[in-house]
Protein backbone atom coordinates (compact mmCIF):
# COMPACT_ATOMS: atom_id res chain seq x y z
CA MET A 1 -5.72 -29.10 -4.59
CA LYS A 2 -6.68 -25.46 -4.58
CA GLU A 3 -7.04 -25.43 -0.80
CA LYS A 4 -3.64 -27.09 -0.35
CA PHE A 5 -2.11 -24.44 -2.60
CA LEU A 6 -3.73 -21.63 -0.59
CA ASP A 7 -2.46 -23.21 2.63
CA TYR A 8 1.00 -23.28 1.07
CA LEU A 9 0.74 -19.55 0.31
CA ARG A 10 -0.34 -18.70 3.84
CA VAL A 11 1.96 -21.03 5.78
CA GLN A 12 5.13 -21.41 3.75
CA ARG A 13 5.13 -18.25 1.65
CA ARG A 14 3.58 -16.22 4.49
CA TYR A 15 1.17 -14.39 2.22
CA SER A 16 -1.46 -12.28 3.94
CA LEU A 17 -5.03 -13.53 4.15
CA ARG A 18 -6.09 -10.80 1.74
CA THR A 19 -3.51 -11.85 -0.86
CA ALA A 20 -4.45 -15.51 -0.49
CA GLU A 21 -8.10 -14.59 -1.05
CA LEU A 22 -7.18 -12.71 -4.21
CA TYR A 23 -5.48 -15.88 -5.46
CA ARG A 24 -8.56 -17.91 -4.54
CA SER A 25 -10.81 -15.49 -6.43
CA ALA A 26 -8.63 -15.69 -9.56
CA ILE A 27 -8.59 -19.50 -9.54
CA ASP A 28 -12.33 -19.71 -8.91
CA ALA A 29 -12.98 -17.30 -11.79
CA PHE A 30 -10.96 -19.52 -14.11
CA TYR A 31 -12.75 -22.65 -12.91
CA ALA A 32 -16.11 -20.97 -13.58
CA PHE A 33 -14.98 -20.19 -17.13
CA ALA A 34 -13.45 -23.59 -17.84
CA ILE A 35 -16.31 -25.64 -16.33
CA PRO A 36 -19.47 -23.47 -16.60
CA GLY A 37 -21.94 -24.53 -13.93
CA GLY A 38 -19.92 -27.61 -13.12
CA PRO A 39 -18.09 -28.74 -9.97
CA GLN A 40 -14.55 -27.55 -9.37
CA PRO A 41 -11.83 -30.00 -10.50
CA GLN A 42 -10.42 -32.26 -7.82
CA THR A 43 -8.35 -34.98 -9.51
CA GLU A 44 -5.04 -34.69 -11.34
CA SER A 45 -6.64 -35.69 -14.63
CA GLN A 46 -9.26 -32.97 -14.28
CA MET A 47 -6.55 -30.40 -13.58
CA LYS A 48 -4.59 -31.45 -16.65
CA GLU A 49 -7.75 -31.25 -18.76
CA ILE A 50 -8.54 -27.61 -18.03
CA LEU A 51 -5.12 -26.08 -17.36
CA LYS A 52 -4.20 -25.68 -21.00
CA PRO A 53 -2.94 -22.57 -22.83
CA GLN A 54 -5.97 -22.34 -25.14
CA LEU A 55 -8.44 -22.34 -22.26
CA ILE A 56 -6.40 -19.78 -20.33
CA ARG A 57 -6.28 -17.54 -23.42
CA GLY A 58 -10.06 -17.79 -23.71
CA PHE A 59 -10.41 -16.91 -20.03
CA ILE A 60 -8.34 -13.76 -20.50
CA ALA A 61 -10.18 -12.78 -23.70
CA GLU A 62 -13.58 -13.16 -22.05
CA GLY A 63 -12.53 -11.04 -19.10
CA LEU A 64 -11.35 -8.25 -21.37
CA GLU A 65 -14.56 -8.43 -23.42
CA GLU A 66 -16.57 -8.09 -20.22
CA GLY A 67 -14.77 -4.85 -19.45
CA LEU A 68 -12.22 -6.03 -16.92
CA SER A 69 -8.96 -4.11 -17.16
CA PRO A 70 -5.73 -5.60 -18.53
CA ARG A 71 -4.24 -5.09 -15.07
CA THR A 72 -6.95 -7.22 -13.46
CA MET A 73 -6.51 -10.00 -15.99
CA ASN A 74 -2.72 -9.89 -15.58
CA LEU A 75 -3.14 -10.24 -11.83
CA ARG A 76 -5.34 -13.28 -12.44
CA LEU A 77 -2.73 -14.69 -14.80
CA SER A 78 -0.07 -14.24 -12.12
CA ALA A 79 -2.22 -16.12 -9.63
CA LEU A 80 -2.84 -18.93 -12.12
CA SER A 81 0.86 -19.06 -12.97
CA SER A 82 1.79 -19.48 -9.30
CA PHE A 83 -0.82 -22.22 -8.96
CA CYS A 84 0.46 -24.04 -12.04
CA SER A 85 4.09 -23.76 -10.91
CA TRP A 86 3.05 -25.33 -7.62
CA LEU A 87 1.32 -28.14 -9.52
CA VAL A 88 4.45 -28.66 -11.63
CA ARG A 89 6.57 -29.05 -8.49
CA GLY A 90 4.01 -31.54 -7.20
CA GLY A 91 4.20 -33.59 -10.39
CA VAL A 92 0.62 -32.87 -11.45
CA LEU A 93 1.59 -30.85 -14.54
CA ASP A 94 4.56 -31.33 -16.83
CA SER A 95 4.97 -27.60 -17.48
CA ASN A 96 3.38 -24.28 -16.66
CA PRO A 97 0.76 -23.50 -19.37
CA VAL A 98 0.54 -19.83 -18.37
CA LYS A 99 4.04 -19.27 -19.78
CA LYS A 100 2.61 -19.87 -23.25
CA VAL A 101 -0.04 -17.16 -22.83
CA TYR A 102 0.64 -13.57 -23.85
CA ARG A 103 -0.25 -11.05 -21.20
CA PRO A 104 -2.57 -8.15 -22.12
CA ARG A 105 -0.76 -4.90 -22.56
CA GLU A 106 -1.62 -2.44 -19.86
CA ASP A 107 -1.01 1.24 -19.37
CA HIS A 108 1.17 2.19 -16.42
CA PRO A 109 -0.09 5.50 -15.09
CA LEU A 110 2.35 7.45 -12.99
CA PRO A 111 1.73 7.31 -9.25
CA GLN A 112 -0.45 10.16 -8.08
CA PHE A 113 0.97 12.41 -5.39
CA TYR A 114 0.22 15.64 -3.53
CA THR A 115 2.47 18.67 -3.76
CA GLN A 116 4.83 19.52 -0.94
CA PRO A 117 3.22 22.93 -0.26
CA SER A 118 -0.19 21.24 -0.04
CA MET A 119 1.08 18.70 2.50
CA GLU A 120 2.85 21.34 4.57
CA THR A 121 -0.27 23.51 4.64
CA LEU A 122 -2.44 20.53 5.59
CA LEU A 123 -0.19 19.50 8.50
CA GLU A 124 -0.02 23.10 9.74
CA GLN A 125 -3.82 23.40 9.57
CA GLU A 126 -4.25 20.13 11.46
CA GLU A 127 -1.83 21.33 14.13
CA GLU A 128 -3.70 24.63 14.51
CA LEU A 129 -7.01 22.77 14.66
CA SER A 130 -5.70 20.55 17.44
CA VAL A 131 -4.84 23.64 19.51
CA THR A 132 -8.30 25.11 18.92
CA GLU A 133 -10.06 21.86 19.85
CA ALA A 134 -7.93 21.47 22.96
CA ALA A 135 -8.87 24.98 24.08
CA ALA A 136 -12.57 24.21 23.60
CA SER A 137 -12.35 20.87 25.39
CA PRO A 138 -13.44 20.65 29.07
CA ASP A 139 -10.13 19.04 30.05
CA GLY A 140 -8.04 21.32 27.88
CA ARG A 141 -6.84 18.46 25.69
CA GLU A 142 -7.42 17.57 22.07
CA PRO A 143 -10.13 14.86 21.73
CA MET A 144 -8.53 11.43 21.39
CA GLY A 145 -10.31 10.70 18.10
CA GLU A 146 -8.93 13.83 16.44
CA LEU A 147 -5.46 13.19 17.85
CA ARG A 148 -5.51 9.68 16.43
CA GLU A 149 -6.62 10.93 12.99
CA ARG A 150 -3.88 13.55 12.90
CA MET A 151 -1.24 11.00 13.91
CA ILE A 152 -2.43 8.54 11.23
CA ILE A 153 -1.99 11.18 8.51
CA LEU A 154 1.35 12.29 9.95
CA LEU A 155 2.80 8.77 10.04
CA LEU A 156 1.50 7.73 6.63
CA TYR A 157 3.16 10.76 5.06
CA SER A 158 6.31 11.05 7.18
CA THR A 159 7.24 7.35 7.10
CA GLY A 160 5.72 6.10 3.83
CA MET A 161 4.27 3.05 5.59
CA ARG A 162 1.77 0.87 3.78
CA ARG A 163 -1.76 0.83 5.17
CA ALA A 164 -1.38 -2.76 6.42
CA GLU A 165 1.92 -1.88 8.08
CA LEU A 166 0.29 1.01 9.91
CA CYS A 167 -2.54 -1.22 11.15
CA SER A 168 -0.01 -3.81 12.39
CA LEU A 169 2.20 -1.26 14.12
CA LYS A 170 2.84 -1.84 17.83
CA VAL A 171 3.98 0.56 20.50
CA SER A 172 7.17 -1.48 20.89
CA ASP A 173 7.98 -0.89 17.20
CA PHE A 174 8.91 2.71 18.00
CA ASP A 175 12.47 3.04 19.27
CA ARG A 176 12.52 6.41 20.98
CA ASP A 177 16.25 6.42 21.71
CA ARG A 178 17.28 5.64 18.13
CA GLN A 179 14.33 7.56 16.63
CA VAL A 180 13.25 4.79 14.27
CA PHE A 181 10.22 2.61 13.58
CA ARG A 182 10.75 -1.11 13.07
CA VAL A 183 8.19 -2.08 10.45
CA THR A 184 7.23 -5.57 9.32
CA GLY A 185 6.29 -5.43 5.64
CA LYS A 186 5.46 -7.84 2.86
CA GLY A 187 6.83 -11.35 3.30
CA ASP A 188 7.46 -10.60 7.00
CA LYS A 189 10.51 -8.54 6.03
CA THR A 190 11.54 -6.07 8.70
CA ARG A 191 12.99 -2.66 7.99
CA GLU A 192 13.75 0.47 9.98
CA ILE A 193 12.38 3.89 9.10
CA PRO A 194 14.09 6.96 10.60
CA VAL A 195 11.83 9.57 12.20
CA PRO A 196 12.66 13.31 12.30
CA ASP A 197 13.06 14.98 15.72
CA ARG A 198 9.87 17.03 15.52
CA ILE A 199 7.74 14.02 14.66
CA CYS A 200 9.39 11.97 17.42
CA GLU A 201 8.26 14.60 19.90
CA GLU A 202 4.67 14.32 18.68
CA ILE A 203 4.82 10.52 18.84
CA VAL A 204 6.03 10.64 22.45
CA LEU A 205 3.15 12.94 23.40
CA TYR A 206 0.68 10.73 21.56
CA LEU A 207 1.88 7.56 23.31
CA LYS A 208 1.76 9.29 26.68
CA ARG A 209 -1.84 10.29 26.01
CA MET A 210 -2.64 6.74 24.89
CA SER A 211 -1.35 5.29 28.15
CA GLU A 212 -3.40 7.78 30.16
CA GLU A 213 -6.67 7.16 28.34
CA ALA A 214 -9.07 4.93 30.22
CA GLY A 215 -10.87 2.25 28.23
CA GLN A 216 -8.31 2.13 25.46
CA GLY A 217 -7.80 -1.61 25.95
CA SER A 218 -4.47 -3.25 25.26
CA GLN A 219 -1.55 -0.89 24.75
CA ASP A 220 0.19 -3.32 22.42
CA TRP A 221 -1.15 -1.69 19.27
CA PHE A 222 0.08 1.76 18.29
CA PHE A 223 -3.39 2.66 17.03
CA VAL A 224 -6.69 1.36 18.37
CA THR A 225 -10.33 2.12 17.65
CA ASP A 226 -12.65 3.75 20.17
CA LYS A 227 -13.47 0.25 21.42
CA GLY A 228 -9.82 -0.54 22.01
CA SER A 229 -9.42 -3.00 19.16
CA ARG A 230 -6.72 -3.05 16.51
CA LEU A 231 -7.08 -0.64 13.62
CA TYR A 232 -8.39 -2.09 10.33
CA PRO A 233 -7.80 -1.00 6.69
CA ALA A 234 -11.23 0.56 6.07
CA PHE A 235 -10.80 2.69 9.19
CA VAL A 236 -7.55 4.13 7.83
CA ASN A 237 -9.14 4.76 4.42
CA ASN A 238 -11.99 6.67 6.03
CA VAL A 239 -9.62 8.80 8.10
CA VAL A 240 -7.59 9.81 5.04
CA LYS A 241 -10.71 10.70 3.05
CA LYS A 242 -12.18 12.65 5.96
CA VAL A 243 -9.06 14.70 6.67
CA LEU A 244 -8.15 15.43 3.04
CA SER A 245 -11.66 16.12 1.69
CA GLY A 246 -12.35 19.75 0.91
CA LYS A 247 -8.74 20.81 1.41
CA ASP A 248 -6.93 22.82 -1.27
CA GLY A 249 -4.50 20.70 -3.26
CA PHE A 250 -6.28 17.40 -2.63
CA SER A 251 -8.79 17.19 -5.46
CA GLY A 252 -7.67 13.78 -6.75
CA LYS A 253 -7.72 10.35 -5.17
CA LYS A 254 -7.48 10.37 -1.39
CA SER A 255 -5.91 7.20 -0.06
CA PRO A 256 -3.13 5.99 2.25
CA HIS A 257 -1.17 4.78 -0.76
CA VAL A 258 -1.15 8.22 -2.36
CA LEU A 259 0.41 9.58 0.84
CA ARG A 260 3.10 6.90 0.46
CA HIS A 261 3.66 7.97 -3.16
CA THR A 262 3.80 11.56 -1.97
CA LEU A 263 6.61 10.95 0.50
CA ALA A 264 8.66 9.06 -2.09
CA THR A 265 8.26 11.87 -4.61
CA HIS A 266 9.13 14.59 -2.10
CA LEU A 267 12.20 12.69 -0.90
CA LEU A 268 13.40 12.33 -4.47
CA ASN A 269 12.72 15.97 -5.30
CA ASN A 270 14.67 17.04 -2.22
CA GLY A 271 17.77 15.10 -3.23
CA ALA A 272 17.36 11.73 -1.49
CA ASP A 273 19.19 8.81 -3.08
CA ILE A 274 16.84 6.42 -4.85
CA ASN A 275 18.37 3.40 -3.11
CA SER A 276 17.69 5.01 0.25
CA ILE A 277 14.07 5.63 -0.78
CA LYS A 278 13.83 1.97 -1.79
CA GLU A 279 14.91 0.89 1.70
CA VAL A 280 12.51 3.27 3.45
CA LEU A 281 9.55 2.09 1.36
CA GLY A 282 10.48 -1.58 1.69
CA HIS A 283 10.49 -2.26 -2.05
CA ALA A 284 11.85 -5.66 -3.05
CA SER A 285 13.49 -4.27 -6.19
CA LEU A 286 14.79 -0.93 -7.39
CA ALA A 287 12.44 -1.10 -10.39
CA ALA A 288 9.47 -0.51 -8.11
CA THR A 289 11.08 2.66 -6.79
CA GLN A 290 12.28 4.05 -10.10
CA VAL A 291 8.74 4.93 -11.14
CA TYR A 292 8.99 7.93 -8.83
CA THR A 293 11.74 9.43 -10.97
CA HIS A 294 9.02 10.32 -13.48
CA ASN A 295 7.21 12.34 -10.86
CA SER A 296 10.03 14.85 -10.58
CA PHE A 297 8.86 16.61 -13.73
CA GLU A 298 8.15 19.93 -12.04
CA GLN A 299 11.66 20.07 -10.63
CA LEU A 300 13.11 19.05 -13.98
CA LYS A 301 10.98 21.69 -15.70
CA ASN A 302 12.28 24.44 -13.40
CA ILE A 303 15.90 23.41 -13.95
CA TYR A 304 15.34 23.11 -17.69
CA LEU A 305 13.72 26.52 -18.04
CA THR A 306 16.41 28.13 -15.92
CA ALA A 307 19.22 26.64 -17.99
CA HIS A 308 17.67 26.75 -21.46
CA PRO A 309 19.31 29.49 -23.57
CA ARG A 310 16.03 30.42 -25.26
CA ALA A 311 14.22 30.71 -21.93
CA LYS A 312 16.40 33.57 -20.70
CA LYS A 313 14.85 37.00 -20.80
CA ARG A 314 16.33 39.54 -23.14
CA LYS A 315 18.09 42.44 -21.50
């Protein structure tokens, strides 16, 4: 039954392989708790026997006692809940037992982001470095590897794409005339992201260089590895860590997702409408975008201190 459910997620719900594997891991962890050392349940009666609120509560409690975070256990509960709902629709269960289980309370840390001056300085430094490397190169051009790294950072920050969206990006997804990227996000939902003039110019130069490079393989993908294959998530992670490490203003976590948070925060701080930010990021609900309103504290602080009657200097 588990495999049929995972097939349902991949085929009908169009979940990514990674997401489906996370669901598999959560279900397997529950099976291991409910039937220690035993075979996984296969029949309807076996499913009904273990999928009970008291067992699920014990599963959550054990995970927390072992040091797993409330967030991790809530993600496992969500996976189990989806599985049970699927079993209810199939007539295996009468009701979803997960709905009778309280979820562990978890802290919701604010999204980390880099400051706008730090990002501007970084991009300027990368641009200057590209000129220096081009001058030192035998052919007078920036090495393809460095150009690719710079473009990865530029697109992650300037478009707010998710890591998976960047890896799946194709050359045809860039509409030069309209200056937009067509991005396929979660649930195969497509959205358009506008691209500023200056960045469009850099993209055009990058794509021209890509088409000229021998041994780059298929030109379908916007980014490829040195071997000409499609970019993969770990590659993007390594690029972000490499470029940001040792730079002023980047002492915290260095990841593609923080660059996405950074764009959202900067857009909000510069007056962008929150609904517009929601569309650019591809959020399914406004609630997911509203978390960035908390990151505007520095701007709020400046306004507050400027307007506060007790903050004014005495003449």
